[in-house]
């Protein structure tokens, strides 16, 4: 089975966690878009949905779903990830929505992450960690990140990528198997940094679409 097939299968499995009357938080990315397509085939038009990006907001409205602001707690959060390990730690932000995704995930009672098996990692070495930073004084913020001994790049270079929050994204190379959490913490201490794409304790269940057509479940909850 190819990657698209794996994403469709895992999206269909995640539909089993939905209830028509809940407040649903929605992440961003290609897997989430496939999930929305599969969800729209089934229905669930009673859902109220909090989107994490303008693109997902637009897709949901086009499908006829009720899009609302986050005011308190979502009953359930559905999202993908760029990389996940079996401790349910994640790197997110490939699409640039990491800050909004983290806010919604933090404010959700249950978090379901859906990925295909290519996103599973034993460690995060060699992967880029997205970091959202203010446009104001961004060059000095980047220098302070480099001062930590990190290899970084501004996403978009001469034509920088702009997040829905009006900020830039810096991608930071993870060069060691063990220092992701420490790096994320140190980066977040720098003024001008909004958020990093390291997500810890923000996934309750990870559903993994497999090449053999199955779906594996790793969960902290029943």
N, C-alpha and C. Protein backbone atom coordinates (compact mmCIF):
# COMPACT_ATOMS: atom_id res chain seq x y z
N UNK A 1 0.84 -1.20 0.00
CA UNK A 1 0.00 0.00 0.00
C UNK A 1 0.88 1.25 0.00
N UNK A 2 0.50 2.25 -0.82
CA UNK A 2 1.28 3.48 -0.87
C UNK A 2 0.91 4.42 0.27
N UNK A 3 1.60 5.58 0.32
CA UNK A 3 1.41 6.50 1.43
C UNK A 3 -0.01 7.06 1.47
N UNK A 4 -0.58 7.36 0.31
CA UNK A 4 -1.95 7.87 0.28
C UNK A 4 -2.92 6.85 0.85
N UNK A 5 -2.76 5.60 0.46
CA UNK A 5 -3.62 4.55 0.98
C UNK A 5 -3.52 4.41 2.48
N UNK A 6 -2.30 4.51 3.01
CA UNK A 6 -2.11 4.43 4.46
C UNK A 6 -2.82 5.57 5.17
N UNK A 7 -2.75 6.77 4.57
CA UNK A 7 -3.40 7.94 5.18
C UNK A 7 -4.92 7.81 5.16
N UNK A 8 -5.45 7.27 4.08
CA UNK A 8 -6.89 7.07 4.00
C UNK A 8 -7.34 6.05 5.04
N UNK A 9 -6.61 4.94 5.16
CA UNK A 9 -6.97 3.90 6.13
C UNK A 9 -6.95 4.42 7.56
N UNK A 10 -5.89 5.17 7.91
CA UNK A 10 -5.79 5.64 9.29
C UNK A 10 -6.83 6.73 9.56
N UNK A 11 -7.19 7.50 8.55
CA UNK A 11 -8.25 8.49 8.71
C UNK A 11 -9.58 7.82 8.99
N UNK A 12 -9.86 6.76 8.28
CA UNK A 12 -11.13 6.04 8.50
C UNK A 12 -11.17 5.43 9.90
N UNK A 13 -10.03 4.96 10.38
CA UNK A 13 -9.98 4.41 11.74
C UNK A 13 -10.25 5.51 12.76
N UNK A 14 -9.73 6.70 12.53
CA UNK A 14 -9.92 7.80 13.47
C UNK A 14 -11.37 8.26 13.53
N UNK A 15 -12.13 8.02 12.48
CA UNK A 15 -13.54 8.40 12.48
C UNK A 15 -14.32 7.72 13.60
N UNK A 16 -13.82 6.57 14.06
CA UNK A 16 -14.50 5.82 15.11
C UNK A 16 -14.50 6.57 16.44
N UNK A 17 -13.64 7.57 16.57
CA UNK A 17 -13.55 8.33 17.82
C UNK A 17 -14.49 9.54 17.83
N UNK A 18 -15.16 9.80 16.70
CA UNK A 18 -16.02 10.97 16.62
C UNK A 18 -17.41 10.70 17.15
N UNK A 19 -18.00 11.75 17.64
CA UNK A 19 -19.41 11.77 18.03
C UNK A 19 -20.00 13.03 17.41
N UNK A 20 -21.21 12.94 16.92
CA UNK A 20 -21.77 14.03 16.12
C UNK A 20 -21.96 15.34 16.88
N UNK A 21 -21.96 15.31 18.20
CA UNK A 21 -22.29 16.52 18.95
C UNK A 21 -21.13 17.11 19.74
N UNK A 22 -19.90 16.70 19.44
CA UNK A 22 -18.76 17.18 20.21
C UNK A 22 -18.14 18.44 19.61
N UNK A 23 -17.31 19.09 20.41
CA UNK A 23 -16.46 20.19 19.94
C UNK A 23 -15.13 19.57 19.56
N UNK A 24 -14.79 19.66 18.29
CA UNK A 24 -13.61 18.98 17.75
C UNK A 24 -12.53 19.99 17.38
N UNK A 25 -11.33 19.80 17.92
CA UNK A 25 -10.18 20.57 17.50
C UNK A 25 -9.53 19.90 16.31
N UNK A 26 -9.10 20.70 15.34
CA UNK A 26 -8.58 20.13 14.10
C UNK A 26 -7.21 20.72 13.79
N UNK A 27 -6.23 19.82 13.58
CA UNK A 27 -4.90 20.26 13.20
C UNK A 27 -4.83 20.63 11.73
N UNK A 28 -3.62 20.61 11.17
CA UNK A 28 -3.42 20.99 9.78
C UNK A 28 -2.51 19.97 9.09
N UNK A 29 -2.45 20.06 7.77
CA UNK A 29 -1.55 19.19 7.02
C UNK A 29 -2.30 18.26 6.09
N UNK A 30 -1.55 17.54 5.27
CA UNK A 30 -2.16 16.70 4.24
C UNK A 30 -2.98 15.55 4.83
N UNK A 31 -2.50 14.96 5.93
CA UNK A 31 -3.26 13.85 6.53
C UNK A 31 -4.58 14.35 7.10
N UNK A 32 -4.56 15.52 7.72
CA UNK A 32 -5.79 16.10 8.24
C UNK A 32 -6.76 16.40 7.10
N UNK A 33 -6.25 16.88 5.98
CA UNK A 33 -7.13 17.16 4.85
C UNK A 33 -7.77 15.88 4.32
N UNK A 34 -7.02 14.79 4.31
CA UNK A 34 -7.60 13.50 3.92
C UNK A 34 -8.64 13.07 4.93
N UNK A 35 -8.36 13.27 6.22
CA UNK A 35 -9.32 12.95 7.27
C UNK A 35 -10.63 13.72 7.07
N UNK A 36 -10.53 15.00 6.76
CA UNK A 36 -11.73 15.81 6.53
C UNK A 36 -12.53 15.26 5.35
N UNK A 37 -11.84 14.87 4.30
CA UNK A 37 -12.51 14.30 3.13
C UNK A 37 -13.26 13.03 3.50
N UNK A 38 -12.61 12.15 4.25
CA UNK A 38 -13.26 10.90 4.68
C UNK A 38 -14.41 11.20 5.64
N UNK A 39 -14.23 12.16 6.52
CA UNK A 39 -15.29 12.55 7.46
C UNK A 39 -16.50 13.09 6.72
N UNK A 40 -16.27 13.87 5.69
CA UNK A 40 -17.38 14.47 4.95
C UNK A 40 -18.20 13.41 4.21
N UNK A 41 -17.58 12.29 3.86
CA UNK A 41 -18.31 11.21 3.19
C UNK A 41 -19.29 10.54 4.14
N UNK A 42 -18.94 10.55 5.44
CA UNK A 42 -19.78 9.90 6.45
C UNK A 42 -20.85 10.85 6.96
N UNK A 43 -20.45 12.12 7.15
CA UNK A 43 -21.41 13.09 7.66
C UNK A 43 -20.84 13.89 8.83
N UNK A 44 -21.32 13.57 10.04
CA UNK A 44 -20.92 14.27 11.25
C UNK A 44 -21.15 15.78 11.14
N UNK A 45 -22.27 16.17 10.55
CA UNK A 45 -22.55 17.58 10.34
C UNK A 45 -22.96 18.30 11.62
N UNK A 46 -23.15 17.55 12.70
CA UNK A 46 -23.46 18.19 13.99
C UNK A 46 -22.23 18.67 14.73
N UNK A 47 -21.06 18.36 14.20
CA UNK A 47 -19.81 18.76 14.85
C UNK A 47 -19.65 20.28 14.82
N UNK A 48 -19.08 20.80 15.90
CA UNK A 48 -18.54 22.16 15.90
C UNK A 48 -17.02 22.00 15.91
N UNK A 49 -16.32 22.69 15.01
CA UNK A 49 -14.91 22.40 14.80
C UNK A 49 -14.08 23.67 14.96
N UNK A 50 -12.98 23.54 15.72
CA UNK A 50 -12.00 24.62 15.89
C UNK A 50 -10.81 24.31 14.99
N UNK A 51 -10.60 25.07 13.91
CA UNK A 51 -9.49 24.81 13.00
C UNK A 51 -8.20 25.48 13.46
N UNK A 52 -7.07 24.91 13.06
CA UNK A 52 -5.77 25.44 13.47
C UNK A 52 -5.12 26.31 12.40
N UNK A 53 -5.73 26.43 11.24
CA UNK A 53 -5.14 27.23 10.17
C UNK A 53 -6.24 27.77 9.27
N UNK A 54 -5.88 28.81 8.52
CA UNK A 54 -6.84 29.39 7.59
C UNK A 54 -7.21 28.40 6.49
N UNK A 55 -6.25 27.59 6.08
CA UNK A 55 -6.53 26.61 5.03
C UNK A 55 -7.56 25.58 5.50
N UNK A 56 -7.37 25.05 6.71
CA UNK A 56 -8.33 24.07 7.23
C UNK A 56 -9.68 24.72 7.48
N UNK A 57 -9.69 25.96 7.96
CA UNK A 57 -10.92 26.71 8.14
C UNK A 57 -11.69 26.76 6.81
N UNK A 58 -11.00 27.11 5.74
CA UNK A 58 -11.63 27.22 4.42
C UNK A 58 -12.18 25.88 3.94
N UNK A 59 -11.39 24.81 4.10
CA UNK A 59 -11.83 23.49 3.66
C UNK A 59 -13.08 23.05 4.43
N UNK A 60 -13.08 23.27 5.74
CA UNK A 60 -14.23 22.87 6.56
C UNK A 60 -15.49 23.64 6.17
N UNK A 61 -15.35 24.93 5.94
CA UNK A 61 -16.51 25.73 5.55
C UNK A 61 -17.05 25.28 4.20
N UNK A 62 -16.15 24.96 3.28
CA UNK A 62 -16.58 24.49 1.95
C UNK A 62 -17.33 23.16 2.06
N UNK A 63 -16.99 22.36 3.07
CA UNK A 63 -17.66 21.08 3.28
C UNK A 63 -18.96 21.23 4.09
N UNK A 64 -19.25 22.44 4.54
CA UNK A 64 -20.50 22.69 5.25
C UNK A 64 -20.45 22.49 6.75
N UNK A 65 -19.24 22.45 7.32
CA UNK A 65 -19.11 22.26 8.77
C UNK A 65 -19.18 23.59 9.51
N UNK A 66 -19.59 23.52 10.77
CA UNK A 66 -19.66 24.69 11.64
C UNK A 66 -18.29 24.96 12.24
N UNK A 67 -17.70 26.10 11.89
CA UNK A 67 -16.37 26.48 12.37
C UNK A 67 -16.54 27.50 13.50
N UNK A 68 -15.89 27.24 14.64
CA UNK A 68 -16.05 28.11 15.81
C UNK A 68 -14.69 28.47 16.40
N UNK A 69 -14.68 29.48 17.26
CA UNK A 69 -13.48 29.89 17.97
C UNK A 69 -13.27 28.99 19.20
N UNK A 70 -12.02 28.87 19.61
CA UNK A 70 -11.70 28.14 20.84
C UNK A 70 -11.98 29.05 22.03
N UNK A 71 -12.88 28.62 22.91
CA UNK A 71 -13.22 29.40 24.09
C UNK A 71 -12.83 28.70 25.38
N UNK A 72 -12.84 27.38 25.39
CA UNK A 72 -12.48 26.64 26.60
C UNK A 72 -11.77 25.35 26.22
N UNK A 73 -12.44 24.22 26.32
CA UNK A 73 -11.84 22.92 26.04
C UNK A 73 -12.55 22.23 24.88
N UNK A 74 -11.77 21.67 23.97
CA UNK A 74 -12.34 20.79 22.95
C UNK A 74 -12.51 19.39 23.55
N UNK A 75 -13.53 18.69 23.11
CA UNK A 75 -13.73 17.31 23.56
C UNK A 75 -12.67 16.39 22.96
N UNK A 76 -12.28 16.67 21.74
CA UNK A 76 -11.35 15.80 21.01
C UNK A 76 -10.52 16.65 20.05
N UNK A 77 -9.26 16.27 19.89
CA UNK A 77 -8.37 16.92 18.93
C UNK A 77 -7.83 15.86 17.98
N UNK A 78 -7.91 16.14 16.67
CA UNK A 78 -7.39 15.25 15.64
C UNK A 78 -6.31 16.00 14.87
N UNK A 79 -5.14 15.38 14.70
CA UNK A 79 -4.06 16.03 13.97
C UNK A 79 -3.11 14.97 13.41
N UNK A 80 -2.25 15.41 12.52
CA UNK A 80 -1.16 14.57 12.03
C UNK A 80 0.13 14.98 12.72
N UNK A 81 1.26 14.53 12.19
CA UNK A 81 2.57 14.89 12.73
C UNK A 81 3.62 14.67 11.65
N UNK A 82 4.71 15.41 11.77
CA UNK A 82 5.83 15.24 10.84
C UNK A 82 6.73 14.07 11.26
N UNK A 83 6.81 13.85 12.57
CA UNK A 83 7.61 12.74 13.11
C UNK A 83 7.09 12.40 14.50
N UNK A 84 7.04 11.11 14.81
CA UNK A 84 6.53 10.63 16.11
C UNK A 84 7.40 9.48 16.58
N UNK A 85 7.68 9.43 17.91
CA UNK A 85 8.34 8.24 18.45
C UNK A 85 7.34 7.46 19.31
N UNK A 86 7.77 6.34 19.84
CA UNK A 86 6.84 5.48 20.57
C UNK A 86 6.59 5.94 22.01
N UNK A 87 7.22 7.02 22.41
CA UNK A 87 6.88 7.69 23.66
C UNK A 87 5.83 8.77 23.42
N UNK A 88 5.32 8.84 22.19
CA UNK A 88 4.30 9.79 21.75
C UNK A 88 4.80 11.23 21.76
N UNK A 89 6.12 11.41 21.64
CA UNK A 89 6.68 12.74 21.42
C UNK A 89 6.62 13.02 19.92
N UNK A 90 6.42 14.28 19.57
CA UNK A 90 6.22 14.61 18.16
C UNK A 90 7.01 15.86 17.77
N UNK A 91 7.33 15.91 16.48
CA UNK A 91 7.74 17.15 15.84
C UNK A 91 6.65 17.52 14.85
N UNK A 92 6.19 18.77 14.94
CA UNK A 92 5.14 19.27 14.07
C UNK A 92 5.53 20.66 13.58
N UNK A 93 4.83 21.11 12.56
CA UNK A 93 5.08 22.45 12.06
C UNK A 93 5.54 22.51 10.62
N UNK A 94 5.51 21.37 9.92
CA UNK A 94 5.90 21.37 8.53
C UNK A 94 5.05 22.31 7.68
N UNK A 95 3.79 22.47 8.09
CA UNK A 95 2.90 23.38 7.39
C UNK A 95 2.85 24.77 7.98
N UNK A 96 3.55 24.96 9.09
CA UNK A 96 3.65 26.28 9.70
C UNK A 96 2.60 26.62 10.73
N UNK A 97 1.71 25.68 11.07
CA UNK A 97 0.61 25.97 12.01
C UNK A 97 0.91 25.51 13.43
N UNK A 98 2.18 25.33 13.77
CA UNK A 98 2.55 24.68 15.03
C UNK A 98 2.03 25.39 16.27
N UNK A 99 2.03 26.72 16.30
CA UNK A 99 1.59 27.43 17.50
C UNK A 99 0.10 27.23 17.74
N UNK A 100 -0.68 27.40 16.70
CA UNK A 100 -2.12 27.21 16.85
C UNK A 100 -2.45 25.75 17.16
N UNK A 101 -1.74 24.84 16.53
CA UNK A 101 -1.95 23.42 16.82
C UNK A 101 -1.66 23.11 18.28
N UNK A 102 -0.59 23.67 18.80
CA UNK A 102 -0.21 23.38 20.18
C UNK A 102 -1.23 23.97 21.15
N UNK A 103 -1.75 25.15 20.85
CA UNK A 103 -2.77 25.76 21.70
C UNK A 103 -4.02 24.90 21.75
N UNK A 104 -4.47 24.44 20.59
CA UNK A 104 -5.70 23.64 20.56
C UNK A 104 -5.47 22.28 21.21
N UNK A 105 -4.33 21.66 20.93
CA UNK A 105 -4.03 20.36 21.54
C UNK A 105 -3.99 20.46 23.06
N UNK A 106 -3.34 21.51 23.56
CA UNK A 106 -3.24 21.71 25.01
C UNK A 106 -4.63 21.87 25.63
N UNK A 107 -5.53 22.49 24.89
CA UNK A 107 -6.87 22.77 25.39
C UNK A 107 -7.89 21.73 24.92
N UNK A 108 -7.47 20.49 24.81
CA UNK A 108 -8.36 19.40 24.41
C UNK A 108 -8.33 18.28 25.44
N UNK A 109 -9.47 17.66 25.64
CA UNK A 109 -9.59 16.61 26.65
C UNK A 109 -8.97 15.30 26.18
N UNK A 110 -9.01 15.04 24.88
CA UNK A 110 -8.41 13.83 24.30
C UNK A 110 -7.76 14.22 22.98
N UNK A 111 -6.53 13.69 22.73
CA UNK A 111 -5.79 14.02 21.53
C UNK A 111 -5.46 12.76 20.74
N UNK A 112 -5.95 12.68 19.50
CA UNK A 112 -5.69 11.55 18.62
C UNK A 112 -4.80 12.03 17.47
N UNK A 113 -3.65 11.39 17.30
CA UNK A 113 -2.72 11.74 16.23
C UNK A 113 -2.76 10.63 15.18
N UNK A 114 -2.90 11.02 13.91
CA UNK A 114 -2.99 10.05 12.83
C UNK A 114 -1.81 10.25 11.88
N UNK A 115 -1.08 9.17 11.64
CA UNK A 115 0.10 9.23 10.76
C UNK A 115 0.19 7.95 9.94
N UNK A 116 0.97 8.00 8.86
CA UNK A 116 1.34 6.77 8.18
C UNK A 116 2.69 6.31 8.75
N UNK A 117 3.07 5.08 8.51
CA UNK A 117 4.22 4.51 9.20
C UNK A 117 5.55 5.17 8.82
N UNK A 118 5.58 5.93 7.73
CA UNK A 118 6.82 6.63 7.36
C UNK A 118 7.15 7.74 8.35
N UNK A 119 6.18 8.16 9.18
CA UNK A 119 6.40 9.25 10.13
C UNK A 119 6.93 8.77 11.48
N UNK A 120 7.02 7.46 11.67
CA UNK A 120 7.49 6.92 12.94
C UNK A 120 9.01 6.93 12.99
N UNK A 121 9.57 7.32 14.14
CA UNK A 121 11.02 7.44 14.31
C UNK A 121 11.46 6.80 15.63
N UNK A 122 12.62 6.20 15.61
CA UNK A 122 13.23 5.75 16.87
C UNK A 122 13.82 6.94 17.61
N UNK A 123 14.31 7.93 16.85
CA UNK A 123 14.80 9.18 17.43
C UNK A 123 14.62 10.26 16.37
N UNK A 124 14.94 11.50 16.74
CA UNK A 124 14.68 12.63 15.85
C UNK A 124 15.95 13.19 15.22
N UNK A 125 17.02 12.44 15.28
CA UNK A 125 18.28 12.89 14.70
C UNK A 125 18.13 13.10 13.19
N UNK A 126 18.63 14.24 12.70
CA UNK A 126 18.58 14.53 11.28
C UNK A 126 17.30 15.18 10.80
N UNK A 127 16.36 15.43 11.73
CA UNK A 127 15.08 16.06 11.40
C UNK A 127 15.14 17.53 11.78
N UNK A 128 14.44 18.36 11.05
CA UNK A 128 14.38 19.79 11.37
C UNK A 128 13.21 20.08 12.32
N UNK A 129 13.50 20.84 13.36
CA UNK A 129 12.49 21.29 14.32
C UNK A 129 12.01 22.68 13.90
N UNK A 130 10.74 22.84 13.52
CA UNK A 130 10.22 24.16 13.18
C UNK A 130 10.09 25.04 14.43
N UNK A 131 10.44 26.30 14.27
CA UNK A 131 10.35 27.28 15.36
C UNK A 131 9.71 28.54 14.81
N UNK A 132 8.62 28.98 15.42
CA UNK A 132 7.97 30.22 14.99
C UNK A 132 8.59 31.39 15.74
N UNK A 133 9.00 32.42 14.99
CA UNK A 133 9.63 33.59 15.60
C UNK A 133 8.97 34.87 15.08
N UNK A 134 9.06 35.93 15.89
CA UNK A 134 8.56 37.23 15.47
C UNK A 134 9.36 37.75 14.28
N UNK A 135 8.68 38.47 13.38
CA UNK A 135 9.37 39.14 12.29
C UNK A 135 10.27 40.25 12.85
N UNK A 136 9.79 40.94 13.87
CA UNK A 136 10.57 42.01 14.50
C UNK A 136 11.91 41.46 15.00
N UNK A 137 13.00 42.06 14.54
CA UNK A 137 14.35 41.68 14.97
C UNK A 137 14.64 40.20 14.74
N UNK A 138 14.09 39.63 13.67
CA UNK A 138 14.24 38.20 13.44
C UNK A 138 15.70 37.79 13.24
N UNK A 139 16.50 38.69 12.66
CA UNK A 139 17.90 38.34 12.44
C UNK A 139 18.65 38.16 13.76
N UNK A 140 18.34 39.02 14.74
CA UNK A 140 18.99 38.86 16.05
C UNK A 140 18.48 37.62 16.76
N UNK A 141 17.20 37.31 16.59
CA UNK A 141 16.65 36.09 17.19
C UNK A 141 17.34 34.86 16.59
N UNK A 142 17.55 34.88 15.29
CA UNK A 142 18.23 33.77 14.63
C UNK A 142 19.67 33.65 15.12
N UNK A 143 20.34 34.79 15.34
CA UNK A 143 21.70 34.74 15.86
C UNK A 143 21.74 34.12 17.25
N UNK A 144 20.77 34.46 18.09
CA UNK A 144 20.74 33.89 19.44
C UNK A 144 20.49 32.37 19.38
N UNK A 145 19.69 31.92 18.41
CA UNK A 145 19.50 30.48 18.25
C UNK A 145 20.79 29.83 17.79
N UNK A 146 21.48 30.47 16.86
CA UNK A 146 22.77 29.95 16.40
C UNK A 146 23.80 29.92 17.52
N UNK A 147 23.71 30.88 18.43
CA UNK A 147 24.64 30.93 19.57
C UNK A 147 24.55 29.67 20.44
N UNK A 148 23.45 28.94 20.30
CA UNK A 148 23.30 27.67 21.03
C UNK A 148 24.05 26.54 20.33
N UNK A 149 24.72 26.87 19.24
CA UNK A 149 25.47 25.88 18.48
C UNK A 149 24.62 25.10 17.50
N UNK A 150 23.51 25.71 17.07
CA UNK A 150 22.55 25.00 16.23
C UNK A 150 22.65 25.42 14.77
N UNK A 151 22.39 24.47 13.90
CA UNK A 151 22.34 24.69 12.46
C UNK A 151 20.90 25.03 12.09
N UNK A 152 20.68 26.25 11.61
CA UNK A 152 19.31 26.68 11.34
C UNK A 152 19.18 27.29 9.95
N UNK A 153 17.93 27.39 9.48
CA UNK A 153 17.65 28.04 8.21
C UNK A 153 16.30 28.74 8.31
N UNK A 154 16.20 29.91 7.72
CA UNK A 154 14.93 30.62 7.64
C UNK A 154 14.09 29.99 6.54
N UNK A 155 12.90 29.58 6.86
CA UNK A 155 12.05 28.94 5.86
C UNK A 155 11.65 29.95 4.79
N UNK A 156 11.98 29.63 3.57
CA UNK A 156 11.66 30.52 2.45
C UNK A 156 12.80 31.41 2.03
N UNK A 157 13.82 31.55 2.89
CA UNK A 157 15.02 32.33 2.59
C UNK A 157 14.67 33.74 2.09
N UNK A 158 14.89 34.04 0.80
CA UNK A 158 14.71 35.39 0.27
C UNK A 158 13.24 35.82 0.22
N UNK A 159 12.33 34.86 0.23
CA UNK A 159 10.90 35.15 0.29
C UNK A 159 10.32 34.35 1.45
N UNK A 160 10.52 34.85 2.69
CA UNK A 160 10.20 34.05 3.88
C UNK A 160 8.75 33.60 3.96
N UNK A 161 8.59 32.38 4.42
CA UNK A 161 7.27 31.83 4.71
C UNK A 161 6.64 32.64 5.86
N UNK A 162 5.37 33.01 5.71
CA UNK A 162 4.65 33.77 6.73
C UNK A 162 3.56 32.88 7.32
N UNK A 163 3.54 32.73 8.63
CA UNK A 163 2.51 31.93 9.30
C UNK A 163 1.19 32.69 9.33
N UNK A 164 0.13 32.00 9.69
CA UNK A 164 -1.17 32.64 9.85
C UNK A 164 -1.14 33.70 10.95
N UNK A 165 -0.15 33.63 11.82
CA UNK A 165 0.00 34.62 12.90
C UNK A 165 0.84 35.81 12.46
N UNK A 166 1.33 35.79 11.21
CA UNK A 166 2.15 36.88 10.71
C UNK A 166 3.61 36.80 11.10
N UNK A 167 4.08 35.61 11.44
CA UNK A 167 5.46 35.41 11.89
C UNK A 167 6.26 34.59 10.88
N UNK A 168 7.56 34.45 11.16
CA UNK A 168 8.45 33.62 10.35
C UNK A 168 8.62 32.25 10.99
N UNK A 169 9.11 31.30 10.18
CA UNK A 169 9.49 29.98 10.67
C UNK A 169 10.98 29.78 10.44
N UNK A 170 11.68 29.36 11.49
CA UNK A 170 13.07 28.94 11.40
C UNK A 170 13.10 27.43 11.62
N UNK A 171 13.80 26.71 10.75
CA UNK A 171 13.92 25.26 10.90
C UNK A 171 15.29 24.94 11.48
N UNK A 172 15.29 24.21 12.59
CA UNK A 172 16.50 23.92 13.37
C UNK A 172 16.85 22.44 13.23
N UNK A 173 18.03 22.13 12.76
CA UNK A 173 18.44 20.74 12.57
C UNK A 173 18.74 20.07 13.90
N UNK A 174 18.11 18.92 14.12
CA UNK A 174 18.40 18.12 15.31
C UNK A 174 19.55 17.18 14.97
N UNK A 175 20.72 17.43 15.56
CA UNK A 175 21.93 16.70 15.18
C UNK A 175 22.30 15.58 16.15
N UNK A 176 21.59 15.49 17.26
CA UNK A 176 21.89 14.46 18.25
C UNK A 176 20.64 13.65 18.53
N UNK A 177 20.83 12.40 18.93
CA UNK A 177 19.70 11.52 19.21
C UNK A 177 18.96 11.91 20.48
N UNK A 178 19.62 12.64 21.38
CA UNK A 178 19.06 12.77 22.72
C UNK A 178 18.77 14.19 23.19
N UNK A 179 19.03 15.21 22.36
CA UNK A 179 18.96 16.54 22.93
C UNK A 179 17.76 17.37 22.46
N UNK A 180 16.74 16.76 21.90
CA UNK A 180 15.60 17.50 21.38
C UNK A 180 14.89 18.32 22.46
N UNK A 181 14.56 17.70 23.61
CA UNK A 181 13.83 18.41 24.65
C UNK A 181 14.64 19.57 25.20
N UNK A 182 15.93 19.35 25.40
CA UNK A 182 16.79 20.40 25.93
C UNK A 182 16.90 21.56 24.94
N UNK A 183 17.05 21.24 23.66
CA UNK A 183 17.13 22.27 22.63
C UNK A 183 15.84 23.09 22.59
N UNK A 184 14.70 22.41 22.59
CA UNK A 184 13.42 23.10 22.53
C UNK A 184 13.27 24.06 23.71
N UNK A 185 13.64 23.60 24.90
CA UNK A 185 13.52 24.45 26.09
C UNK A 185 14.41 25.68 25.98
N UNK A 186 15.65 25.50 25.55
CA UNK A 186 16.59 26.63 25.45
C UNK A 186 16.14 27.62 24.38
N UNK A 187 15.63 27.11 23.27
CA UNK A 187 15.15 27.99 22.21
C UNK A 187 13.99 28.84 22.70
N UNK A 188 13.07 28.24 23.44
CA UNK A 188 11.88 28.96 23.90
C UNK A 188 12.21 30.05 24.92
N UNK A 189 13.40 29.99 25.52
CA UNK A 189 13.81 31.02 26.48
C UNK A 189 14.29 32.30 25.78
N UNK A 190 14.48 32.24 24.46
CA UNK A 190 14.99 33.39 23.72
C UNK A 190 13.85 34.34 23.39
N UNK A 191 13.92 35.62 23.80
CA UNK A 191 12.90 36.59 23.40
C UNK A 191 12.82 36.69 21.88
N UNK A 192 11.61 36.72 21.37
CA UNK A 192 11.40 36.72 19.93
C UNK A 192 10.93 35.37 19.41
N UNK A 193 11.18 34.31 20.19
CA UNK A 193 10.67 32.98 19.84
C UNK A 193 9.25 32.85 20.36
N UNK A 194 8.34 32.47 19.48
CA UNK A 194 6.94 32.29 19.87
C UNK A 194 6.70 30.87 20.39
N UNK A 195 7.11 29.87 19.60
CA UNK A 195 6.85 28.48 19.98
C UNK A 195 7.72 27.57 19.13
N UNK A 196 7.97 26.37 19.63
CA UNK A 196 8.67 25.35 18.86
C UNK A 196 7.71 24.24 18.47
N UNK A 197 8.11 23.46 17.49
CA UNK A 197 7.28 22.36 17.02
C UNK A 197 7.52 21.05 17.75
N UNK A 198 8.15 21.12 18.94
CA UNK A 198 8.29 19.91 19.76
C UNK A 198 7.06 19.77 20.63
N UNK A 199 6.34 18.67 20.47
CA UNK A 199 5.12 18.40 21.22
C UNK A 199 5.36 17.22 22.15
N UNK A 200 5.28 17.47 23.44
CA UNK A 200 5.42 16.41 24.44
C UNK A 200 4.17 16.42 25.33
N UNK A 201 3.67 15.23 25.64
CA UNK A 201 2.47 15.08 26.47
C UNK A 201 1.25 15.75 25.83
N UNK A 202 1.21 15.78 24.51
CA UNK A 202 0.08 16.36 23.79
C UNK A 202 -0.53 15.35 22.81
N UNK A 203 -0.24 14.07 23.05
CA UNK A 203 -0.87 13.00 22.29
C UNK A 203 -1.29 11.91 23.27
N UNK A 204 -2.54 11.54 23.21
CA UNK A 204 -3.03 10.44 24.05
C UNK A 204 -3.01 9.12 23.28
N UNK A 205 -3.28 9.20 22.00
CA UNK A 205 -3.30 8.02 21.14
C UNK A 205 -2.70 8.37 19.79
N UNK A 206 -1.83 7.51 19.28
CA UNK A 206 -1.31 7.65 17.92
C UNK A 206 -1.81 6.46 17.11
N UNK A 207 -2.48 6.74 16.01
CA UNK A 207 -2.92 5.71 15.07
C UNK A 207 -1.98 5.73 13.88
N UNK A 208 -1.47 4.56 13.51
CA UNK A 208 -0.44 4.47 12.47
C UNK A 208 -0.94 3.62 11.31
N UNK A 209 -1.09 4.24 10.16
CA UNK A 209 -1.44 3.50 8.96
C UNK A 209 -0.25 2.70 8.47
N UNK A 210 -0.46 1.40 8.20
CA UNK A 210 0.64 0.50 7.83
C UNK A 210 0.57 0.12 6.35
N UNK A 211 1.74 -0.24 5.82
CA UNK A 211 1.81 -0.63 4.41
C UNK A 211 1.00 -1.89 4.11
N UNK A 212 0.82 -2.74 5.12
CA UNK A 212 0.05 -3.96 4.91
C UNK A 212 -1.46 -3.74 4.97
N UNK A 213 -1.87 -2.48 5.15
CA UNK A 213 -3.29 -2.16 5.20
C UNK A 213 -3.87 -2.08 6.59
N UNK A 214 -3.10 -2.46 7.59
CA UNK A 214 -3.57 -2.40 8.96
C UNK A 214 -3.35 -1.03 9.59
N UNK A 215 -3.88 -0.88 10.80
CA UNK A 215 -3.68 0.34 11.58
C UNK A 215 -3.23 -0.06 12.98
N UNK A 216 -2.05 0.42 13.36
CA UNK A 216 -1.51 0.16 14.70
C UNK A 216 -1.91 1.29 15.63
N UNK A 217 -2.17 0.93 16.88
CA UNK A 217 -2.55 1.92 17.89
C UNK A 217 -1.55 1.92 19.04
N UNK A 218 -1.02 3.11 19.35
CA UNK A 218 -0.20 3.31 20.55
C UNK A 218 -0.93 4.31 21.42
N UNK A 219 -1.21 3.93 22.66
CA UNK A 219 -2.10 4.78 23.45
C UNK A 219 -1.71 4.84 24.92
N UNK A 220 -1.96 6.00 25.51
CA UNK A 220 -1.80 6.18 26.96
C UNK A 220 -3.15 5.97 27.66
N UNK A 221 -4.21 5.85 26.87
CA UNK A 221 -5.56 5.75 27.43
C UNK A 221 -6.25 4.52 26.88
N UNK A 222 -7.34 4.14 27.51
CA UNK A 222 -8.10 2.97 27.06
C UNK A 222 -8.98 3.30 25.88
